Amino acid sequence: MELKQCVNSTLCLEKKPKLVVGLRGSTSNIFVDNAAYRDFLFQTFQVSSSGMESFAMVMTSLSNGFVVLVIRGFSNIASG
């Protein structure tokens, strides 16, 4: 998929956007801002991104017997 860097002639992103498919994400109850912990998550669980915004919804759903799927877009990585 080709993603455009500019919306118009005056509004452009600093870097060309790219779509990455197939990496594993996770959710947690903490904000991950530590490069060593980020590396541990990847080496141990092959987790490439972590977000905390979905944690409460996932825990509430699973605690009440509901299956949940979270679809997110990430724009940065922990401490990097």
Protein backbone atom coordinates (compact mmCIF):
# COMPACT_ATOMS: atom_id res chain seq x y z
CA MET A 1 0.00 0.00 0.00
CA GLU A 2 1.40 3.36 -1.00
CA LEU A 3 0.98 6.02 1.69
CA LYS A 4 1.29 9.67 0.76
CA GLN A 5 3.71 11.91 2.60
CA CYS A 6 1.80 15.10 1.75
CA VAL A 7 -1.87 15.98 2.13
CA ASN A 8 -1.46 18.98 -0.16
CA SER A 9 1.34 21.24 -1.41
CA THR A 10 1.89 22.84 2.02
CA LEU A 11 1.06 20.07 4.53
CA CYS A 12 3.53 17.17 4.61
CA LEU A 13 4.85 14.69 7.16
CA GLU A 14 8.53 14.95 8.08
CA LYS A 15 9.14 11.30 7.22
CA LYS A 16 7.49 9.11 4.60
CA PRO A 17 4.83 6.97 6.33
CA LYS A 18 4.98 3.19 6.14
CA LEU A 19 2.53 0.44 6.91
CA VAL A 20 3.91 -2.46 8.96
CA VAL A 21 1.81 -5.63 9.11
CA GLY A 22 2.36 -8.78 11.10
CA LEU A 23 4.06 -7.53 14.23
CA ARG A 24 2.70 -8.43 17.65
CA GLY A 25 1.32 -5.76 19.95
CA SER A 26 0.32 -5.90 23.59
CA THR A 27 -1.58 -3.90 26.17
CA SER A 28 -0.61 -3.25 29.77
CA ASN A 29 -1.58 -1.26 32.83
CA ILE A 30 1.65 0.77 32.70
CA PHE A 31 3.18 3.22 30.24
CA VAL A 32 6.30 1.62 28.75
CA ASP A 33 9.01 4.26 28.38
CA ASN A 34 12.11 2.16 28.92
CA ALA A 35 14.32 0.84 26.12
CA ALA A 36 15.61 -2.13 28.17
CA TYR A 37 12.06 -3.25 29.04
CA ARG A 38 10.97 -2.72 25.43
CA ASP A 39 13.84 -4.98 24.30
CA PHE A 40 12.88 -7.58 26.94
CA LEU A 41 9.27 -7.62 25.70
CA PHE A 42 10.44 -8.17 22.13
CA GLN A 43 13.03 -10.84 22.97
CA THR A 44 10.70 -12.75 25.31
CA PHE A 45 7.28 -12.35 23.67
CA GLN A 46 8.09 -10.89 20.22
CA VAL A 47 6.01 -7.85 21.20
CA SER A 48 6.91 -4.86 19.07
CA SER A 49 4.49 -2.31 20.53
CA SER A 50 2.64 -1.77 23.77
CA GLY A 51 -0.26 0.50 24.62
CA MET A 52 -2.07 1.05 27.89
CA GLU A 53 -5.27 2.66 26.60
CA SER A 54 -6.96 -0.68 25.80
CA PHE A 55 -6.01 -2.44 29.03
CA ALA A 56 -9.13 -1.55 31.04
CA MET A 57 -11.47 -2.57 28.24
CA VAL A 58 -9.70 -5.90 27.70
CA MET A 59 -9.61 -6.74 31.41
CA THR A 60 -13.27 -5.81 31.90
CA SER A 61 -14.37 -7.83 28.88
CA LEU A 62 -12.36 -10.94 29.76
CA SER A 63 -13.38 -10.76 33.44
CA ASN A 64 -17.02 -10.88 32.33
CA GLY A 65 -16.54 -13.74 29.87
CA PHE A 66 -16.55 -11.68 26.68
CA VAL A 67 -14.04 -12.18 23.88
CA VAL A 68 -12.44 -8.93 22.80
CA LEU A 69 -10.32 -7.86 19.83
CA VAL A 70 -8.42 -4.58 19.92
CA ILE A 71 -7.31 -2.98 16.66
CA ARG A 72 -4.89 -0.09 17.14
CA GLY A 73 -2.54 2.05 15.20
CA PHE A 74 0.78 2.93 16.83
CA SER A 75 2.86 5.95 15.95
CA ASN A 76 5.85 5.43 18.23
CA ILE A 77 7.72 2.82 20.25
CA ALA A 78 8.71 2.79 23.89
CA SER A 79 11.75 4.95 24.50
CA GLY A 80 12.81 5.01 20.90
